[in-house]
């Protein structure tokens, strides 16, 4: 198997130009290495972009955060600008797997895997992330919603790679919580990314994005519309949770733990709002 390892941004297009449909771009390797070892993936070549310093950087600009695709979960979790302005991203990055996985797993890999249970995807939807994609012919930028096509599928061509993610600085306070099979090192059964902007005692704006209930993250627009203009009290939060449980019953297949998720959804919505207050 051939390995391509460009060292600079300028060398990446040539690497991508040599890729075929059988080849793979590798991030932190936390998933792909397992598939290679099990014989589930047999590429002729791997392209690793982790030697390109620009793709590992996290840069706080005046109105946005720029995250290189090879930034690790640990790097994201501990970055001062993430902690201050993007607490839901900090929450999600800190919840990914074990310490070893967080030290190696990358945000670009999380996007490329396009797992319905991916911890970062609901958060990237929440923050209106824009994704920079590099190909042999040049770059383009697209919203995260247009990148995720379904479970394990993106709209990227075989010779394209995620290089950077742009997050506009939000006006809202945010949080992320997930429910798994156990407290740590677990795959999400439900993930909730929440953003709320208050005007005094009333909700000015709210965004709710739910992961692991459908083929890709889902905006809970009905609950958003209900909460806008209302006080953020327990009864209103519980109504938002009821809207979520109804949506799960409607769109989640039974084999995806639908009945359990309906039962658990109210508690996890309350947890998301409790964490929001701490953030």
C-alpha atoms as a PDB file:
ATOM      1  CA  UNK A   1       0.000   0.000   0.000  1.00  0.00           C
ATOM      2  CA  UNK A   2       1.280   3.445  -0.963  1.00  0.00           C
ATOM      3  CA  UNK A   3       1.326   6.352   1.513  1.00  0.00           C
ATOM      4  CA  UNK A   4       1.155   9.990   0.415  1.00  0.00           C
ATOM      5  CA  UNK A   5       2.323  12.470   3.066  1.00  0.00           C
ATOM      6  CA  UNK A   6       2.372  16.075   1.836  1.00  0.00           C
ATOM      7  CA  UNK A   7       4.184  18.456   4.176  1.00  0.00           C
ATOM      8  CA  UNK A   8       2.746  21.790   2.973  1.00  0.00           C
ATOM      9  CA  UNK A   9      -0.585  23.141   1.759  1.00  0.00           C
ATOM     10  CA  UNK A  10       0.928  23.587  -1.684  1.00  0.00           C
ATOM     11  CA  UNK A  11       1.717  19.861  -1.930  1.00  0.00           C
ATOM     12  CA  UNK A  12      -1.824  18.683  -1.092  1.00  0.00           C
ATOM     13  CA  UNK A  13      -3.444  19.137  -4.553  1.00  0.00           C
ATOM     14  CA  UNK A  14      -0.803  16.941  -6.184  1.00  0.00           C
ATOM     15  CA  UNK A  15      -1.417  14.253  -3.545  1.00  0.00           C
ATOM     16  CA  UNK A  16      -5.169  14.413  -4.090  1.00  0.00           C
ATOM     17  CA  UNK A  17      -4.674  14.295  -7.838  1.00  0.00           C
ATOM     18  CA  UNK A  18      -3.070  10.847  -7.505  1.00  0.00           C
ATOM     19  CA  UNK A  19      -5.989   9.415  -5.522  1.00  0.00           C
ATOM     20  CA  UNK A  20      -8.322   6.814  -7.016  1.00  0.00           C
ATOM     21  CA  UNK A  21     -11.777   5.756  -5.870  1.00  0.00           C
ATOM     22  CA  UNK A  22     -10.216   2.877  -3.899  1.00  0.00           C
ATOM     23  CA  UNK A  23      -7.906   5.140  -1.888  1.00  0.00           C
ATOM     24  CA  UNK A  24      -8.535   6.762   1.492  1.00  0.00           C
ATOM     25  CA  UNK A  25      -7.673  10.021   3.199  1.00  0.00           C
ATOM     26  CA  UNK A  26      -6.738   9.260   6.792  1.00  0.00           C
ATOM     27  CA  UNK A  27      -7.210  11.581   9.753  1.00  0.00           C
ATOM     28  CA  UNK A  28      -6.357  10.487  13.277  1.00  0.00           C
ATOM     29  CA  UNK A  29      -7.008   6.907  12.178  1.00  0.00           C
ATOM     30  CA  UNK A  30      -9.140   6.000  15.194  1.00  0.00           C
ATOM     31  CA  UNK A  31     -11.724   4.321  12.945  1.00  0.00           C
ATOM     32  CA  UNK A  32      -9.894   3.631   9.685  1.00  0.00           C
ATOM     33  CA  UNK A  33      -6.961   1.806  11.301  1.00  0.00           C
ATOM     34  CA  UNK A  34      -9.412  -0.622  12.911  1.00  0.00           C
ATOM     35  CA  UNK A  35     -11.107  -1.209   9.556  1.00  0.00           C
ATOM     36  CA  UNK A  36      -7.731  -1.790   7.895  1.00  0.00           C
ATOM     37  CA  UNK A  37      -6.668  -4.267  10.571  1.00  0.00           C
ATOM     38  CA  UNK A  38      -9.959  -6.148  10.227  1.00  0.00           C
ATOM     39  CA  UNK A  39      -9.694  -6.249   6.442  1.00  0.00           C
ATOM     40  CA  UNK A  40     -12.894  -4.228   6.035  1.00  0.00           C
ATOM     41  CA  UNK A  41     -11.106  -1.539   4.031  1.00  0.00           C
ATOM     42  CA  UNK A  42      -8.403  -2.325   1.458  1.00  0.00           C
ATOM     43  CA  UNK A  43      -7.229   0.890  -0.196  1.00  0.00           C
ATOM     44  CA  UNK A  44      -4.337   0.936  -2.636  1.00  0.00           C
ATOM     45  CA  UNK A  45      -3.070   4.181  -1.094  1.00  0.00           C
ATOM     46  CA  UNK A  46      -3.519   6.385   1.959  1.00  0.00           C
ATOM     47  CA  UNK A  47      -3.174  10.159   1.956  1.00  0.00           C
ATOM     48  CA  UNK A  48      -2.226  11.600   5.359  1.00  0.00           C
ATOM     49  CA  UNK A  49      -2.325  15.386   5.701  1.00  0.00           C
ATOM     50  CA  UNK A  50      -1.370  15.561   9.373  1.00  0.00           C
ATOM     51  CA  UNK A  51       2.153  16.794   8.648  1.00  0.00           C
ATOM     52  CA  UNK A  52       0.748  20.075   7.300  1.00  0.00           C
ATOM     53  CA  UNK A  53       1.027  22.457  10.264  1.00  0.00           C
ATOM     54  CA  UNK A  54      -1.770  24.751   9.081  1.00  0.00           C
ATOM     55  CA  UNK A  55      -4.266  21.878   9.294  1.00  0.00           C
ATOM     56  CA  UNK A  56      -3.545  21.314  12.998  1.00  0.00           C
ATOM     57  CA  UNK A  57      -4.028  24.930  14.092  1.00  0.00           C
ATOM     58  CA  UNK A  58      -6.967  26.505  15.902  1.00  0.00           C
ATOM     59  CA  UNK A  59      -7.100  30.259  15.338  1.00  0.00           C
ATOM     60  CA  UNK A  60      -9.446  32.725  17.027  1.00  0.00           C
ATOM     61  CA  UNK A  61     -10.225  35.600  14.671  1.00  0.00           C
ATOM     62  CA  UNK A  62     -12.326  38.654  15.512  1.00  0.00           C
ATOM     63  CA  UNK A  63     -15.620  37.224  14.295  1.00  0.00           C
ATOM     64  CA  UNK A  64     -14.971  33.503  13.890  1.00  0.00           C
ATOM     65  CA  UNK A  65     -12.974  30.458  14.930  1.00  0.00           C
ATOM     66  CA  UNK A  66     -10.865  28.667  12.318  1.00  0.00           C
ATOM     67  CA  UNK A  67     -10.150  24.999  13.072  1.00  0.00           C
ATOM     68  CA  UNK A  68      -7.768  22.913  11.017  1.00  0.00           C
ATOM     69  CA  UNK A  69      -9.166  19.537  10.002  1.00  0.00           C
ATOM     70  CA  UNK A  70      -6.352  17.733  11.861  1.00  0.00           C
ATOM     71  CA  UNK A  71      -6.983  19.526  15.163  1.00  0.00           C
ATOM     72  CA  UNK A  72      -7.534  16.842  17.797  1.00  0.00           C
ATOM     73  CA  UNK A  73     -10.397  16.570  20.265  1.00  0.00           C
ATOM     74  CA  UNK A  74      -7.939  17.313  23.079  1.00  0.00           C
ATOM     75  CA  UNK A  75      -6.662  20.424  21.323  1.00  0.00           C
ATOM     76  CA  UNK A  76     -10.203  21.651  20.698  1.00  0.00           C
ATOM     77  CA  UNK A  77     -11.368  20.900  24.237  1.00  0.00           C
ATOM     78  CA  UNK A  78      -8.496  22.866  25.803  1.00  0.00           C
ATOM     79  CA  UNK A  79      -8.380  25.881  23.473  1.00  0.00           C
ATOM     80  CA  UNK A  80      -9.180  29.140  25.358  1.00  0.00           C
ATOM     81  CA  UNK A  81     -11.413  30.551  22.597  1.00  0.00           C
ATOM     82  CA  UNK A  82     -13.405  27.317  22.442  1.00  0.00           C
ATOM     83  CA  UNK A  83     -13.963  27.418  26.191  1.00  0.00           C
ATOM     84  CA  UNK A  84     -15.038  31.073  26.113  1.00  0.00           C
ATOM     85  CA  UNK A  85     -17.182  31.331  22.983  1.00  0.00           C
ATOM     86  CA  UNK A  86     -18.030  27.763  21.921  1.00  0.00           C
ATOM     87  CA  UNK A  87     -18.774  25.790  25.115  1.00  0.00           C
ATOM     88  CA  UNK A  88     -20.969  23.259  23.294  1.00  0.00           C
ATOM     89  CA  UNK A  89     -17.953  22.368  21.149  1.00  0.00           C
ATOM     90  CA  UNK A  90     -15.828  22.004  24.279  1.00  0.00           C
ATOM     91  CA  UNK A  91     -18.519  19.772  25.826  1.00  0.00           C
ATOM     92  CA  UNK A  92     -18.713  17.576  22.721  1.00  0.00           C
ATOM     93  CA  UNK A  93     -14.943  17.259  22.237  1.00  0.00           C
ATOM     94  CA  UNK A  94     -14.469  16.300  25.888  1.00  0.00           C
ATOM     95  CA  UNK A  95     -17.144  13.582  25.547  1.00  0.00           C
ATOM     96  CA  UNK A  96     -15.505  11.800  22.603  1.00  0.00           C
ATOM     97  CA  UNK A  97     -14.252   8.346  23.579  1.00  0.00           C
ATOM     98  CA  UNK A  98     -11.241   7.798  25.805  1.00  0.00           C
ATOM     99  CA  UNK A  99      -8.284  10.116  26.380  1.00  0.00           C
ATOM    100  CA  UNK A 100      -6.276   8.159  23.798  1.00  0.00           C
ATOM    101  CA  UNK A 101      -9.028   8.625  21.204  1.00  0.00           C
ATOM    102  CA  UNK A 102      -9.301  12.355  21.986  1.00  0.00           C
ATOM    103  CA  UNK A 103      -5.539  12.723  21.621  1.00  0.00           C
ATOM    104  CA  UNK A 104      -5.667  11.230  18.111  1.00  0.00           C
ATOM    105  CA  UNK A 105      -9.191  11.735  16.791  1.00  0.00           C
ATOM    106  CA  UNK A 106      -9.640  14.815  14.605  1.00  0.00           C
ATOM    107  CA  UNK A 107     -12.507  17.115  13.752  1.00  0.00           C
ATOM    108  CA  UNK A 108     -11.963  16.400  10.057  1.00  0.00           C
ATOM    109  CA  UNK A 109     -12.249  12.677  10.716  1.00  0.00           C
ATOM    110  CA  UNK A 110     -15.468  13.227  12.654  1.00  0.00           C
ATOM    111  CA  UNK A 111     -16.915  14.992   9.614  1.00  0.00           C
ATOM    112  CA  UNK A 112     -15.552  12.439   7.157  1.00  0.00           C
ATOM    113  CA  UNK A 113     -17.010   9.497   9.094  1.00  0.00           C
ATOM    114  CA  UNK A 114     -20.461  11.124   8.960  1.00  0.00           C
ATOM    115  CA  UNK A 115     -21.694   8.841  11.730  1.00  0.00           C
ATOM    116  CA  UNK A 116     -25.262   9.534  12.894  1.00  0.00           C
ATOM    117  CA  UNK A 117     -23.857   9.192  16.431  1.00  0.00           C
ATOM    118  CA  UNK A 118     -20.893  11.525  15.809  1.00  0.00           C
ATOM    119  CA  UNK A 119     -20.578  13.830  18.815  1.00  0.00           C
ATOM    120  CA  UNK A 120     -19.336  16.891  16.939  1.00  0.00           C
ATOM    121  CA  UNK A 121     -21.852  16.928  14.088  1.00  0.00           C
ATOM    122  CA  UNK A 122     -24.848  18.342  16.036  1.00  0.00           C
ATOM    123  CA  UNK A 123     -22.555  21.032  17.440  1.00  0.00           C
ATOM    124  CA  UNK A 124     -21.250  21.970  13.996  1.00  0.00           C
ATOM    125  CA  UNK A 125     -24.852  22.250  12.796  1.00  0.00           C
ATOM    126  CA  UNK A 126     -25.628  24.403  15.849  1.00  0.00           C
ATOM    127  CA  UNK A 127     -22.836  26.861  15.056  1.00  0.00           C
ATOM    128  CA  UNK A 128     -23.596  27.065  11.319  1.00  0.00           C
ATOM    129  CA  UNK A 129     -20.173  25.645  10.488  1.00  0.00           C
ATOM    130  CA  UNK A 130     -18.701  26.279   7.063  1.00  0.00           C
ATOM    131  CA  UNK A 131     -16.359  23.580   5.763  1.00  0.00           C
ATOM    132  CA  UNK A 132     -13.394  24.245   3.483  1.00  0.00           C
ATOM    133  CA  UNK A 133     -12.772  21.435   1.016  1.00  0.00           C
ATOM    134  CA  UNK A 134      -9.602  21.069  -1.021  1.00  0.00           C
ATOM    135  CA  UNK A 135      -9.423  19.094  -4.238  1.00  0.00           C
ATOM    136  CA  UNK A 136      -6.975  18.633  -7.053  1.00  0.00           C
ATOM    137  CA  UNK A 137      -8.601  21.542  -8.906  1.00  0.00           C
ATOM    138  CA  UNK A 138      -8.864  24.001  -5.994  1.00  0.00           C
ATOM    139  CA  UNK A 139     -10.867  24.886  -2.886  1.00  0.00           C
ATOM    140  CA  UNK A 140     -14.506  25.486  -2.054  1.00  0.00           C
ATOM    141  CA  UNK A 141     -16.470  26.257   1.116  1.00  0.00           C
ATOM    142  CA  UNK A 142     -19.860  24.703   1.906  1.00  0.00           C
ATOM    143  CA  UNK A 143     -22.206  24.593   4.932  1.00  0.00           C
ATOM    144  CA  UNK A 144     -21.851  21.479   7.057  1.00  0.00           C
ATOM    145  CA  UNK A 145     -25.442  20.511   6.200  1.00  0.00           C
ATOM    146  CA  UNK A 146     -24.451  20.126   2.559  1.00  0.00           C
ATOM    147  CA  UNK A 147     -21.447  17.939   3.424  1.00  0.00           C
ATOM    148  CA  UNK A 148     -23.227  15.213   5.416  1.00  0.00           C
ATOM    149  CA  UNK A 149     -25.200  12.997   3.020  1.00  0.00           C
ATOM    150  CA  UNK A 150     -26.160  10.144   5.357  1.00  0.00           C
ATOM    151  CA  UNK A 151     -24.637   7.434   7.578  1.00  0.00           C
ATOM    152  CA  UNK A 152     -20.973   7.120   6.614  1.00  0.00           C
ATOM    153  CA  UNK A 153     -21.496   9.232   3.483  1.00  0.00           C
ATOM    154  CA  UNK A 154     -20.465  12.757   2.563  1.00  0.00           C
ATOM    155  CA  UNK A 155     -20.768  14.759  -0.635  1.00  0.00           C
ATOM    156  CA  UNK A 156     -16.979  14.885  -1.023  1.00  0.00           C
ATOM    157  CA  UNK A 157     -15.416  13.286  -4.070  1.00  0.00           C
ATOM    158  CA  UNK A 158     -12.807  10.574  -3.521  1.00  0.00           C
ATOM    159  CA  UNK A 159     -10.029  13.083  -4.290  1.00  0.00           C
ATOM    160  CA  UNK A 160     -11.255  15.856  -1.977  1.00  0.00           C
ATOM    161  CA  UNK A 161     -10.358  16.503   1.660  1.00  0.00           C
ATOM    162  CA  UNK A 162     -11.708  18.665   4.463  1.00  0.00           C
ATOM    163  CA  UNK A 163      -9.002  21.183   5.330  1.00  0.00           C
ATOM    164  CA  UNK A 164     -10.540  23.785   7.659  1.00  0.00           C
ATOM    165  CA  UNK A 165     -13.769  24.489   9.529  1.00  0.00           C
ATOM    166  CA  UNK A 166     -15.046  28.030  10.097  1.00  0.00           C
ATOM    167  CA  UNK A 167     -17.358  28.772  13.040  1.00  0.00           C
ATOM    168  CA  UNK A 168     -18.953  32.248  13.214  1.00  0.00           C
ATOM    169  CA  UNK A 169     -18.807  33.615  16.755  1.00  0.00           C
ATOM    170  CA  UNK A 170     -22.333  33.064  18.111  1.00  0.00           C
ATOM    171  CA  UNK A 171     -24.577  35.492  19.958  1.00  0.00           C
ATOM    172  CA  UNK A 172     -25.989  32.666  22.091  1.00  0.00           C
ATOM    173  CA  UNK A 173     -24.799  30.623  25.056  1.00  0.00           C
ATOM    174  CA  UNK A 174     -24.509  26.943  24.193  1.00  0.00           C
ATOM    175  CA  UNK A 175     -24.214  23.440  25.613  1.00  0.00           C
ATOM    176  CA  UNK A 176     -23.991  19.834  24.469  1.00  0.00           C
ATOM    177  CA  UNK A 177     -25.023  16.674  26.270  1.00  0.00           C
ATOM    178  CA  UNK A 178     -25.292  13.099  25.130  1.00  0.00           C
ATOM    179  CA  UNK A 179     -26.833   9.930  26.412  1.00  0.00           C
ATOM    180  CA  UNK A 180     -24.828   6.756  25.902  1.00  0.00           C
ATOM    181  CA  UNK A 181     -24.775   3.175  27.096  1.00  0.00           C
ATOM    182  CA  UNK A 182     -22.524   4.211  29.984  1.00  0.00           C
ATOM    183  CA  UNK A 183     -21.130   7.431  31.430  1.00  0.00           C
ATOM    184  CA  UNK A 184     -17.768   7.503  29.594  1.00  0.00           C
ATOM    185  CA  UNK A 185     -16.155   6.085  26.429  1.00  0.00           C
ATOM    186  CA  UNK A 186     -19.547   5.551  24.864  1.00  0.00           C
ATOM    187  CA  UNK A 187     -21.311   5.981  21.540  1.00  0.00           C
ATOM    188  CA  UNK A 188     -24.106   8.528  21.621  1.00  0.00           C
ATOM    189  CA  UNK A 189     -27.678   7.234  21.720  1.00  0.00           C
ATOM    190  CA  UNK A 190     -28.963  10.828  21.710  1.00  0.00           C
ATOM    191  CA  UNK A 191     -26.903  14.004  21.462  1.00  0.00           C
ATOM    192  CA  UNK A 192     -28.358  17.487  21.975  1.00  0.00           C
ATOM    193  CA  UNK A 193     -26.619  20.700  20.934  1.00  0.00           C
ATOM    194  CA  UNK A 194     -28.414  23.712  22.396  1.00  0.00           C
ATOM    195  CA  UNK A 195     -27.964  27.447  21.906  1.00  0.00           C
ATOM    196  CA  UNK A 196     -30.049  30.123  23.649  1.00  0.00           C
ATOM    197  CA  UNK A 197     -29.963  33.920  23.434  1.00  0.00           C
ATOM    198  CA  UNK A 198     -31.985  35.669  26.138  1.00  0.00           C
ATOM    199  CA  UNK A 199     -33.600  39.112  26.190  1.00  0.00           C
ATOM    200  CA  UNK A 200     -34.095  39.715  29.876  1.00  0.00           C
ATOM    201  CA  UNK A 201     -36.238  36.870  31.169  1.00  0.00           C
ATOM    202  CA  UNK A 202     -37.424  35.796  27.723  1.00  0.00           C
ATOM    203  CA  UNK A 203     -35.940  33.672  24.973  1.00  0.00           C
ATOM    204  CA  UNK A 204     -34.888  35.875  22.068  1.00  0.00           C
ATOM    205  CA  UNK A 205     -33.539  33.035  19.945  1.00  0.00           C
ATOM    206  CA  UNK A 206     -32.904  29.333  20.370  1.00  0.00           C
ATOM    207  CA  UNK A 207     -31.380  26.526  18.332  1.00  0.00           C
ATOM    208  CA  UNK A 208     -31.788  22.821  19.106  1.00  0.00           C
ATOM    209  CA  UNK A 209     -29.955  20.189  17.059  1.00  0.00           C
ATOM    210  CA  UNK A 210     -30.422  16.511  17.817  1.00  0.00           C
ATOM    211  CA  UNK A 211     -27.994  13.746  16.881  1.00  0.00           C
ATOM    212  CA  UNK A 212     -28.397   9.952  16.719  1.00  0.00           C
ATOM    213  CA  UNK A 213     -32.170   9.932  16.141  1.00  0.00           C
ATOM    214  CA  UNK A 214     -32.041   9.955  12.339  1.00  0.00           C
ATOM    215  CA  UNK A 215     -29.629   9.491   9.442  1.00  0.00           C
ATOM    216  CA  UNK A 216     -28.018  12.871  10.169  1.00  0.00           C
ATOM    217  CA  UNK A 217     -28.489  15.682  12.727  1.00  0.00           C
ATOM    218  CA  UNK A 218     -31.979  17.176  12.931  1.00  0.00           C
ATOM    219  CA  UNK A 219     -33.026  20.736  13.827  1.00  0.00           C
ATOM    220  CA  UNK A 220     -35.868  20.695  16.351  1.00  0.00           C
ATOM    221  CA  UNK A 221     -37.599  23.668  14.726  1.00  0.00           C
ATOM    222  CA  UNK A 222     -41.005  23.076  16.327  1.00  0.00           C
ATOM    223  CA  UNK A 223     -39.487  23.339  19.813  1.00  0.00           C
ATOM    224  CA  UNK A 224     -37.489  26.398  18.765  1.00  0.00           C
ATOM    225  CA  UNK A 225     -40.635  28.148  17.580  1.00  0.00           C
ATOM    226  CA  UNK A 226     -42.435  27.226  20.790  1.00  0.00           C
ATOM    227  CA  UNK A 227     -39.682  28.583  23.069  1.00  0.00           C
ATOM    228  CA  UNK A 228     -39.074  31.922  21.332  1.00  0.00           C
ATOM    229  CA  UNK A 229     -40.546  34.820  23.274  1.00  0.00           C
ATOM    230  CA  UNK A 230     -41.267  32.710  26.355  1.00  0.00           C
ATOM    231  CA  UNK A 231     -39.592  32.543  29.767  1.00  0.00           C
ATOM    232  CA  UNK A 232     -37.157  29.683  30.198  1.00  0.00           C
ATOM    233  CA  UNK A 233     -39.035  27.902  32.968  1.00  0.00           C
ATOM    234  CA  UNK A 234     -39.434  24.209  33.682  1.00  0.00           C
ATOM    235  CA  UNK A 235     -42.867  23.848  32.102  1.00  0.00           C
ATOM    236  CA  UNK A 236     -41.713  25.378  28.815  1.00  0.00           C
ATOM    237  CA  UNK A 237     -38.576  23.239  28.775  1.00  0.00           C
ATOM    238  CA  UNK A 238     -40.694  20.145  29.393  1.00  0.00           C
ATOM    239  CA  UNK A 239     -42.926  21.082  26.468  1.00  0.00           C
ATOM    240  CA  UNK A 240     -39.819  21.315  24.261  1.00  0.00           C
ATOM    241  CA  UNK A 241     -38.845  17.851  25.515  1.00  0.00           C
ATOM    242  CA  UNK A 242     -42.298  16.519  24.644  1.00  0.00           C
ATOM    243  CA  UNK A 243     -41.899  17.887  21.117  1.00  0.00           C
ATOM    244  CA  UNK A 244     -38.594  16.000  20.853  1.00  0.00           C
ATOM    245  CA  UNK A 245     -40.109  12.742  22.078  1.00  0.00           C
ATOM    246  CA  UNK A 246     -42.918  13.084  19.514  1.00  0.00           C
ATOM    247  CA  UNK A 247     -40.358  13.673  16.762  1.00  0.00           C
ATOM    248  CA  UNK A 248     -38.359  10.600  17.787  1.00  0.00           C
ATOM    249  CA  UNK A 249     -41.509   8.491  17.670  1.00  0.00           C
ATOM    250  CA  UNK A 250     -42.200   9.843  14.181  1.00  0.00           C
ATOM    251  CA  UNK A 251     -38.801   9.581  12.472  1.00  0.00           C
ATOM    252  CA  UNK A 252     -36.622   7.116  14.408  1.00  0.00           C
ATOM    253  CA  UNK A 253     -36.774   3.448  13.348  1.00  0.00           C
ATOM    254  CA  UNK A 254     -37.650   1.039  16.144  1.00  0.00           C
ATOM    255  CA  UNK A 255     -34.336  -0.801  15.669  1.00  0.00           C
ATOM    256  CA  UNK A 256     -32.509   2.445  16.543  1.00  0.00           C
ATOM    257  CA  UNK A 257     -33.672   2.141  20.198  1.00  0.00           C
ATOM    258  CA  UNK A 258     -36.650   4.330  19.384  1.00  0.00           C
ATOM    259  CA  UNK A 259     -38.737   3.454  22.436  1.00  0.00           C
ATOM    260  CA  UNK A 260     -35.836   4.017  24.820  1.00  0.00           C
ATOM    261  CA  UNK A 261     -34.993   7.345  23.198  1.00  0.00           C
ATOM    262  CA  UNK A 262     -38.606   8.496  23.520  1.00  0.00           C
ATOM    263  CA  UNK A 263     -38.478   7.620  27.223  1.00  0.00           C
ATOM    264  CA  UNK A 264     -35.076   9.240  27.828  1.00  0.00           C
ATOM    265  CA  UNK A 265     -35.501  12.367  25.704  1.00  0.00           C
ATOM    266  CA  UNK A 266     -37.195  14.462  28.382  1.00  0.00           C
ATOM    267  CA  UNK A 267     -34.406  13.944  30.876  1.00  0.00           C
ATOM    268  CA  UNK A 268     -31.644  14.739  28.412  1.00  0.00           C
ATOM    269  CA  UNK A 269     -33.370  17.967  27.313  1.00  0.00           C
ATOM    270  CA  UNK A 270     -33.496  19.063  30.954  1.00  0.00           C
ATOM    271  CA  UNK A 271     -29.800  18.178  31.293  1.00  0.00           C
ATOM    272  CA  UNK A 272     -28.937  20.308  28.247  1.00  0.00           C
ATOM    273  CA  UNK A 273     -30.632  23.354  29.761  1.00  0.00           C
ATOM    274  CA  UNK A 274     -28.984  22.747  33.145  1.00  0.00           C
ATOM    275  CA  UNK A 275     -25.555  22.613  31.506  1.00  0.00           C
ATOM    276  CA  UNK A 276     -26.439  25.727  29.520  1.00  0.00           C
ATOM    277  CA  UNK A 277     -26.901  27.643  32.773  1.00  0.00           C
ATOM    278  CA  UNK A 278     -23.480  26.460  33.996  1.00  0.00           C
ATOM    279  CA  UNK A 279     -21.870  27.565  30.732  1.00  0.00           C
END
